[in-house]
Amino acid sequence: MFQTISQIANRFLPIGAAYAHCDIPCGIYDPRDAIQAAQTVIRMTELIQELGVPSTVQEHNSLNRYVTVKEEHAKKAKDDILVIWTDYFKPEHLSAFPDLHTKVWEACKLGSQVKQHVDMDAAIAFKASLEEIGNAFAETKK
């Protein structure tokens, strides 16, 4: 009976799914997801550069997919590191790593750059900056 009521309610008042890291201090933070997303940005940049100027419909399609994935993963990496920055790092972490604010800011600026451009140097620097933040994160866990 409850299932029938639920099905009727869903027809008239559909509820969408929300995807976000919660604001409950669960302690489940990990920069490895951001670093992996940055590695995907590097790979998509490689594929875009290897493809060059597309001349066929299939190549145009591939280029569109590479660009889309590159931009999605750059955004994901930025979002992941910002959640760690805003929800995990505390004043005592900043005392131990006084340049952390600058590192996060610079990483996010690089994330924007790799979204907007096909720039392998920026993609590599983006991943490296996330790894530095990840190293600081790991140190706080000791």
N, C-alpha and C. Protein backbone atom coordinates (compact mmCIF):
# COMPACT_ATOMS: atom_id res chain seq x y z
N MET A 1 0.82 -1.19 0.00
CA MET A 1 0.00 0.00 0.00
C MET A 1 0.88 1.26 0.00
N PHE A 2 1.89 1.28 0.88
CA PHE A 2 2.78 2.44 0.94
C PHE A 2 3.49 2.66 -0.40
N GLN A 3 3.86 1.56 -1.06
CA GLN A 3 4.54 1.67 -2.34
C GLN A 3 3.62 2.33 -3.37
N THR A 4 2.35 2.01 -3.37
CA THR A 4 1.39 2.61 -4.30
C THR A 4 1.24 4.10 -4.03
N ILE A 5 1.15 4.48 -2.78
CA ILE A 5 1.03 5.89 -2.41
C ILE A 5 2.29 6.63 -2.84
N SER A 6 3.42 6.00 -2.62
CA SER A 6 4.69 6.60 -3.00
C SER A 6 4.77 6.79 -4.52
N GLN A 7 4.32 5.81 -5.28
CA GLN A 7 4.36 5.90 -6.74
C GLN A 7 3.44 7.02 -7.23
N ILE A 8 2.27 7.16 -6.63
CA ILE A 8 1.34 8.23 -7.01
C ILE A 8 1.95 9.59 -6.67
N ALA A 9 2.53 9.69 -5.49
CA ALA A 9 3.15 10.95 -5.08
C ALA A 9 4.29 11.33 -6.02
N ASN A 10 5.07 10.35 -6.44
CA ASN A 10 6.19 10.62 -7.33
C ASN A 10 5.73 11.13 -8.69
N ARG A 11 4.53 10.73 -9.12
CA ARG A 11 4.01 11.22 -10.40
C ARG A 11 3.65 12.69 -10.33
N PHE A 12 3.09 13.10 -9.21
CA PHE A 12 2.62 14.48 -9.07
C PHE A 12 3.66 15.41 -8.46
N LEU A 13 4.53 14.88 -7.64
CA LEU A 13 5.57 15.66 -6.98
C LEU A 13 6.91 14.93 -7.10
N PRO A 14 7.45 14.87 -8.30
CA PRO A 14 8.72 14.13 -8.44
C PRO A 14 9.83 14.80 -7.64
N ILE A 15 10.64 13.97 -7.04
CA ILE A 15 11.76 14.46 -6.25
C ILE A 15 13.04 14.10 -6.99
N GLY A 16 13.83 15.11 -7.29
CA GLY A 16 15.10 14.89 -7.99
C GLY A 16 16.19 14.50 -7.01
N ALA A 17 17.25 14.02 -7.56
CA ALA A 17 18.40 13.65 -6.73
C ALA A 17 19.32 14.85 -6.57
N ALA A 18 19.90 14.99 -5.40
CA ALA A 18 20.88 16.05 -5.13
C ALA A 18 22.23 15.39 -4.91
N TYR A 19 23.25 15.93 -5.57
CA TYR A 19 24.60 15.38 -5.44
C TYR A 19 25.52 16.45 -4.85
N ALA A 20 25.95 16.22 -3.64
CA ALA A 20 26.86 17.17 -2.98
C ALA A 20 27.51 16.49 -1.80
N HIS A 21 28.66 17.02 -1.43
CA HIS A 21 29.27 16.54 -0.20
C HIS A 21 28.49 17.18 0.93
N CYS A 22 28.18 16.43 1.94
CA CYS A 22 27.34 16.93 3.02
C CYS A 22 28.08 17.92 3.91
N ASP A 23 27.32 18.66 4.69
CA ASP A 23 27.90 19.60 5.65
C ASP A 23 28.03 18.99 7.03
N ILE A 24 27.84 17.70 7.14
CA ILE A 24 28.03 17.00 8.40
C ILE A 24 29.51 16.65 8.49
N PRO A 25 30.15 16.92 9.59
CA PRO A 25 31.59 16.63 9.68
C PRO A 25 31.87 15.14 9.76
N CYS A 26 31.75 14.48 8.61
CA CYS A 26 31.91 13.02 8.56
C CYS A 26 33.37 12.60 8.60
N GLY A 27 34.25 13.50 8.21
CA GLY A 27 35.67 13.17 8.22
C GLY A 27 36.12 12.37 7.01
N ILE A 28 35.25 12.24 6.02
CA ILE A 28 35.60 11.48 4.82
C ILE A 28 36.00 12.46 3.73
N TYR A 29 37.27 12.79 3.72
CA TYR A 29 37.83 13.70 2.73
C TYR A 29 39.06 13.02 2.16
N ASP A 30 39.26 13.21 0.86
CA ASP A 30 40.41 12.57 0.24
C ASP A 30 40.77 13.31 -1.04
N PRO A 31 41.94 13.89 -1.10
CA PRO A 31 42.35 14.63 -2.30
C PRO A 31 42.68 13.73 -3.50
N ARG A 32 42.72 12.42 -3.29
CA ARG A 32 43.08 11.53 -4.41
C ARG A 32 42.08 11.61 -5.54
N ASP A 33 40.80 11.87 -5.22
CA ASP A 33 39.81 12.02 -6.29
C ASP A 33 40.14 13.23 -7.17
N ALA A 34 40.53 14.33 -6.54
CA ALA A 34 40.89 15.53 -7.29
C ALA A 34 42.13 15.27 -8.15
N ILE A 35 43.09 14.56 -7.59
CA ILE A 35 44.32 14.27 -8.33
C ILE A 35 44.03 13.36 -9.52
N GLN A 36 43.16 12.38 -9.32
CA GLN A 36 42.79 11.50 -10.43
C GLN A 36 42.04 12.28 -11.52
N ALA A 37 41.18 13.19 -11.11
CA ALA A 37 40.48 14.03 -12.10
C ALA A 37 41.47 14.88 -12.88
N ALA A 38 42.49 15.39 -12.20
CA ALA A 38 43.52 16.18 -12.88
C ALA A 38 44.31 15.32 -13.86
N GLN A 39 44.53 14.06 -13.52
CA GLN A 39 45.20 13.14 -14.45
C GLN A 39 44.34 12.94 -15.70
N THR A 40 43.04 12.90 -15.52
CA THR A 40 42.13 12.80 -16.67
C THR A 40 42.25 14.05 -17.54
N VAL A 41 42.38 15.21 -16.92
CA VAL A 41 42.57 16.45 -17.68
C VAL A 41 43.84 16.35 -18.53
N ILE A 42 44.90 15.82 -17.95
CA ILE A 42 46.14 15.65 -18.71
C ILE A 42 45.92 14.72 -19.90
N ARG A 43 45.24 13.60 -19.67
CA ARG A 43 45.01 12.64 -20.75
C ARG A 43 44.14 13.24 -21.85
N MET A 44 43.09 13.96 -21.48
CA MET A 44 42.23 14.56 -22.50
C MET A 44 43.00 15.63 -23.28
N THR A 45 43.87 16.36 -22.61
CA THR A 45 44.71 17.36 -23.29
C THR A 45 45.61 16.66 -24.30
N GLU A 46 46.19 15.52 -23.91
CA GLU A 46 47.02 14.74 -24.84
C GLU A 46 46.21 14.33 -26.07
N LEU A 47 45.01 13.81 -25.84
CA LEU A 47 44.17 13.34 -26.95
C LEU A 47 43.78 14.49 -27.87
N ILE A 48 43.47 15.64 -27.29
CA ILE A 48 43.11 16.81 -28.10
C ILE A 48 44.30 17.23 -28.95
N GLN A 49 45.47 17.27 -28.34
CA GLN A 49 46.67 17.67 -29.09
C GLN A 49 47.01 16.66 -30.17
N GLU A 50 46.86 15.37 -29.88
CA GLU A 50 47.14 14.33 -30.88
C GLU A 50 46.17 14.41 -32.06
N LEU A 51 44.92 14.75 -31.78
CA LEU A 51 43.90 14.81 -32.82
C LEU A 51 44.16 15.96 -33.78
N GLY A 52 44.60 17.08 -33.26
CA GLY A 52 44.82 18.24 -34.12
C GLY A 52 43.49 18.81 -34.59
N VAL A 53 43.51 19.39 -35.79
CA VAL A 53 42.30 19.99 -36.35
C VAL A 53 41.46 18.87 -36.96
N PRO A 54 40.24 18.69 -36.44
CA PRO A 54 39.41 17.60 -36.96
C PRO A 54 38.97 17.85 -38.40
N SER A 55 38.94 16.76 -39.17
CA SER A 55 38.53 16.90 -40.58
C SER A 55 37.32 16.04 -40.92
N THR A 56 36.94 15.15 -40.01
CA THR A 56 35.78 14.30 -40.26
C THR A 56 34.76 14.50 -39.13
N VAL A 57 33.57 14.05 -39.39
CA VAL A 57 32.52 14.12 -38.37
C VAL A 57 32.94 13.33 -37.14
N GLN A 58 33.52 12.17 -37.35
CA GLN A 58 33.96 11.35 -36.22
C GLN A 58 35.03 12.07 -35.41
N GLU A 59 35.95 12.72 -36.07
CA GLU A 59 36.99 13.47 -35.36
C GLU A 59 36.39 14.65 -34.60
N HIS A 60 35.41 15.34 -35.20
CA HIS A 60 34.71 16.43 -34.49
C HIS A 60 34.01 15.88 -33.25
N ASN A 61 33.39 14.73 -33.40
CA ASN A 61 32.71 14.11 -32.27
C ASN A 61 33.72 13.76 -31.16
N SER A 62 34.82 13.19 -31.56
CA SER A 62 35.86 12.86 -30.57
C SER A 62 36.37 14.11 -29.87
N LEU A 63 36.63 15.15 -30.64
CA LEU A 63 37.10 16.39 -30.05
C LEU A 63 36.09 16.93 -29.03
N ASN A 64 34.82 16.92 -29.40
CA ASN A 64 33.79 17.41 -28.48
C ASN A 64 33.77 16.60 -27.19
N ARG A 65 33.91 15.29 -27.32
CA ARG A 65 33.91 14.44 -26.12
C ARG A 65 35.15 14.71 -25.27
N TYR A 66 36.30 14.83 -25.89
CA TYR A 66 37.53 15.10 -25.14
C TYR A 66 37.44 16.42 -24.38
N VAL A 67 36.94 17.45 -25.07
CA VAL A 67 36.81 18.77 -24.42
C VAL A 67 35.82 18.70 -23.26
N THR A 68 34.70 18.04 -23.48
CA THR A 68 33.69 17.92 -22.43
C THR A 68 34.25 17.21 -21.21
N VAL A 69 34.92 16.10 -21.42
CA VAL A 69 35.49 15.33 -20.30
C VAL A 69 36.57 16.15 -19.60
N LYS A 70 37.40 16.83 -20.38
CA LYS A 70 38.47 17.66 -19.79
C LYS A 70 37.86 18.73 -18.88
N GLU A 71 36.84 19.41 -19.36
CA GLU A 71 36.22 20.47 -18.57
C GLU A 71 35.49 19.91 -17.35
N GLU A 72 34.80 18.80 -17.51
CA GLU A 72 34.09 18.20 -16.37
C GLU A 72 35.07 17.78 -15.27
N HIS A 73 36.18 17.18 -15.67
CA HIS A 73 37.14 16.71 -14.67
C HIS A 73 37.91 17.86 -14.03
N ALA A 74 38.17 18.91 -14.78
CA ALA A 74 38.81 20.08 -14.18
C ALA A 74 37.88 20.68 -13.13
N LYS A 75 36.60 20.75 -13.43
CA LYS A 75 35.63 21.28 -12.46
C LYS A 75 35.53 20.35 -11.26
N LYS A 76 35.50 19.06 -11.50
CA LYS A 76 35.42 18.10 -10.39
C LYS A 76 36.62 18.25 -9.46
N ALA A 77 37.80 18.35 -10.04
CA ALA A 77 39.01 18.49 -9.23
C ALA A 77 38.95 19.75 -8.39
N LYS A 78 38.53 20.86 -9.01
CA LYS A 78 38.39 22.11 -8.27
C LYS A 78 37.36 21.96 -7.14
N ASP A 79 36.22 21.39 -7.47
CA ASP A 79 35.17 21.22 -6.46
C ASP A 79 35.65 20.35 -5.30
N ASP A 80 36.33 19.26 -5.62
CA ASP A 80 36.81 18.35 -4.58
C ASP A 80 37.81 19.05 -3.65
N ILE A 81 38.73 19.80 -4.22
CA ILE A 81 39.74 20.45 -3.39
C ILE A 81 39.14 21.59 -2.60
N LEU A 82 38.13 22.26 -3.16
CA LEU A 82 37.46 23.33 -2.42
C LEU A 82 36.68 22.79 -1.22
N VAL A 83 36.08 21.61 -1.37
CA VAL A 83 35.38 21.01 -0.23
C VAL A 83 36.38 20.69 0.88
N ILE A 84 37.52 20.15 0.51
CA ILE A 84 38.55 19.87 1.52
C ILE A 84 39.02 21.18 2.15
N TRP A 85 39.22 22.20 1.33
CA TRP A 85 39.68 23.49 1.83
C TRP A 85 38.67 24.10 2.81
N THR A 86 37.40 24.10 2.43
CA THR A 86 36.40 24.78 3.26
C THR A 86 35.90 23.95 4.43
N ASP A 87 35.88 22.63 4.27
CA ASP A 87 35.27 21.79 5.30
C ASP A 87 36.26 21.03 6.16
N TYR A 88 37.44 20.75 5.64
CA TYR A 88 38.39 19.93 6.41
C TYR A 88 39.46 20.77 7.10
N PHE A 89 40.18 21.57 6.32
CA PHE A 89 41.31 22.31 6.88
C PHE A 89 40.84 23.27 7.97
N LYS A 90 41.58 23.28 9.06
CA LYS A 90 41.28 24.10 10.24
C LYS A 90 42.42 25.09 10.48
N PRO A 91 42.22 26.07 11.39
CA PRO A 91 43.28 27.04 11.67
C PRO A 91 44.61 26.40 12.05
N GLU A 92 44.57 25.30 12.79
CA GLU A 92 45.83 24.66 13.16
C GLU A 92 46.56 24.09 11.94
N HIS A 93 45.83 23.71 10.90
CA HIS A 93 46.46 23.24 9.67
C HIS A 93 47.14 24.41 8.96
N LEU A 94 46.50 25.57 9.01
CA LEU A 94 47.10 26.75 8.38
C LEU A 94 48.35 27.20 9.11
N SER A 95 48.38 26.96 10.40
CA SER A 95 49.59 27.28 11.16
C SER A 95 50.75 26.40 10.70
N ALA A 96 50.44 25.14 10.46
CA ALA A 96 51.48 24.20 10.02
C ALA A 96 51.85 24.42 8.55
N PHE A 97 50.90 24.89 7.75
CA PHE A 97 51.12 25.11 6.32
C PHE A 97 50.64 26.52 5.95
N PRO A 98 51.41 27.53 6.28
CA PRO A 98 50.95 28.92 6.10
C PRO A 98 50.69 29.31 4.65
N ASP A 99 51.23 28.58 3.69
CA ASP A 99 51.00 28.91 2.28
C ASP A 99 49.84 28.11 1.68
N LEU A 100 49.09 27.41 2.52
CA LEU A 100 48.01 26.55 2.03
C LEU A 100 46.93 27.34 1.29
N HIS A 101 46.55 28.49 1.84
CA HIS A 101 45.54 29.31 1.18
C HIS A 101 45.98 29.67 -0.24
N THR A 102 47.20 30.09 -0.38
CA THR A 102 47.74 30.46 -1.70
C THR A 102 47.79 29.25 -2.62
N LYS A 103 48.19 28.10 -2.09
CA LYS A 103 48.26 26.88 -2.91
C LYS A 103 46.88 26.49 -3.44
N VAL A 104 45.87 26.56 -2.59
CA VAL A 104 44.50 26.21 -3.03
C VAL A 104 44.03 27.22 -4.07
N TRP A 105 44.26 28.50 -3.82
CA TRP A 105 43.85 29.54 -4.75
C TRP A 105 44.52 29.35 -6.11
N GLU A 106 45.83 29.10 -6.08
CA GLU A 106 46.56 28.89 -7.33
C GLU A 106 46.10 27.62 -8.05
N ALA A 107 45.82 26.56 -7.31
CA ALA A 107 45.33 25.32 -7.92
C ALA A 107 43.99 25.57 -8.61
N CYS A 108 43.13 26.30 -7.97
CA CYS A 108 41.82 26.58 -8.57
C CYS A 108 41.95 27.47 -9.80
N LYS A 109 42.88 28.42 -9.78
CA LYS A 109 43.12 29.24 -10.96
C LYS A 109 43.65 28.38 -12.11
N LEU A 110 44.54 27.44 -11.80
CA LEU A 110 45.02 26.52 -12.83
C LEU A 110 43.88 25.65 -13.36
N GLY A 111 42.98 25.24 -12.47
CA GLY A 111 41.82 24.45 -12.91
C GLY A 111 40.98 25.22 -13.91
N SER A 112 40.81 26.51 -13.67
CA SER A 112 40.07 27.33 -14.63
C SER A 112 40.83 27.44 -15.95
N GLN A 113 42.13 27.59 -15.85
CA GLN A 113 42.94 27.71 -17.06
C GLN A 113 42.86 26.45 -17.92
N VAL A 114 42.92 25.28 -17.30
CA VAL A 114 42.88 24.05 -18.10
C VAL A 114 41.49 23.78 -18.65
N LYS A 115 40.47 24.34 -18.02
CA LYS A 115 39.13 24.24 -18.60
C LYS A 115 39.03 25.09 -19.86
N GLN A 116 39.62 26.27 -19.82
CA GLN A 116 39.47 27.24 -20.90
C GLN A 116 40.41 27.00 -22.08
N HIS A 117 41.52 26.34 -21.83
CA HIS A 117 42.55 26.22 -22.86
C HIS A 117 43.01 24.77 -23.00
N VAL A 118 43.73 24.51 -24.08
CA VAL A 118 44.40 23.23 -24.27
C VAL A 118 45.87 23.51 -24.01
N ASP A 119 46.26 23.35 -22.75
CA ASP A 119 47.58 23.78 -22.29
C ASP A 119 48.17 22.67 -21.41
N MET A 120 49.07 21.89 -22.00
CA MET A 120 49.63 20.75 -21.28
C MET A 120 50.45 21.21 -20.07
N ASP A 121 51.20 22.28 -20.20
CA ASP A 121 51.99 22.76 -19.06
C ASP A 121 51.07 23.11 -17.88
N ALA A 122 49.96 23.77 -18.18
CA ALA A 122 49.00 24.13 -17.12
C ALA A 122 48.35 22.88 -16.54
N ALA A 123 48.05 21.89 -17.38
CA ALA A 123 47.43 20.65 -16.89
C ALA A 123 48.37 19.92 -15.94
N ILE A 124 49.64 19.87 -16.30
CA ILE A 124 50.63 19.21 -15.43
C ILE A 124 50.81 20.00 -14.14
N ALA A 125 50.86 21.32 -14.25
CA ALA A 125 50.98 22.16 -13.06
C ALA A 125 49.75 22.04 -12.16
N PHE A 126 48.58 21.89 -12.76
CA PHE A 126 47.33 21.70 -12.01
C PHE A 126 47.41 20.44 -11.16
N LYS A 127 47.81 19.34 -11.80
CA LYS A 127 47.93 18.09 -11.04
C LYS A 127 48.99 18.21 -9.95
N ALA A 128 50.11 18.81 -10.27
CA ALA A 128 51.19 18.96 -9.28
C ALA A 128 50.73 19.80 -8.10
N SER A 129 49.96 20.84 -8.36
CA SER A 129 49.49 21.69 -7.26
C SER A 129 48.50 20.92 -6.38
N LEU A 130 47.67 20.09 -6.98
CA LEU A 130 46.75 19.27 -6.19
C LEU A 130 47.50 18.23 -5.38
N GLU A 131 48.58 17.72 -5.94
CA GLU A 131 49.41 16.76 -5.19
C GLU A 131 50.07 17.44 -3.98
N GLU A 132 50.50 18.69 -4.15
CA GLU A 132 51.07 19.43 -3.01
C GLU A 132 50.04 19.60 -1.90
N ILE A 133 48.83 19.96 -2.29
CA ILE A 133 47.75 20.11 -1.31
C ILE A 133 47.46 18.75 -0.68
N GLY A 134 47.47 17.71 -1.49
CA GLY A 134 47.27 16.36 -0.98
C GLY A 134 48.34 15.95 0.01
N ASN A 135 49.57 16.36 -0.24
CA ASN A 135 50.66 16.06 0.71
C ASN A 135 50.43 16.78 2.04
N ALA A 136 50.00 18.03 1.98
CA ALA A 136 49.70 18.77 3.21
C ALA A 136 48.55 18.08 3.94
N PHE A 137 47.55 17.67 3.20
CA PHE A 137 46.41 16.95 3.79
C PHE A 137 46.89 15.69 4.50
N ALA A 138 47.76 14.93 3.84
CA ALA A 138 48.28 13.68 4.43
C ALA A 138 49.05 13.97 5.71
N GLU A 139 49.81 15.05 5.73
CA GLU A 139 50.56 15.41 6.92
C GLU A 139 49.64 15.72 8.10
N THR A 140 48.48 16.30 7.81
CA THR A 140 47.55 16.63 8.90
C THR A 140 46.90 15.38 9.49
N LYS A 141 46.96 14.29 8.77
CA LYS A 141 46.36 13.05 9.23
C LYS A 141 47.29 12.25 10.13
N LYS A 142 48.57 12.64 10.21
CA LYS A 142 49.55 11.89 11.02
C LYS A 142 49.37 12.19 12.49
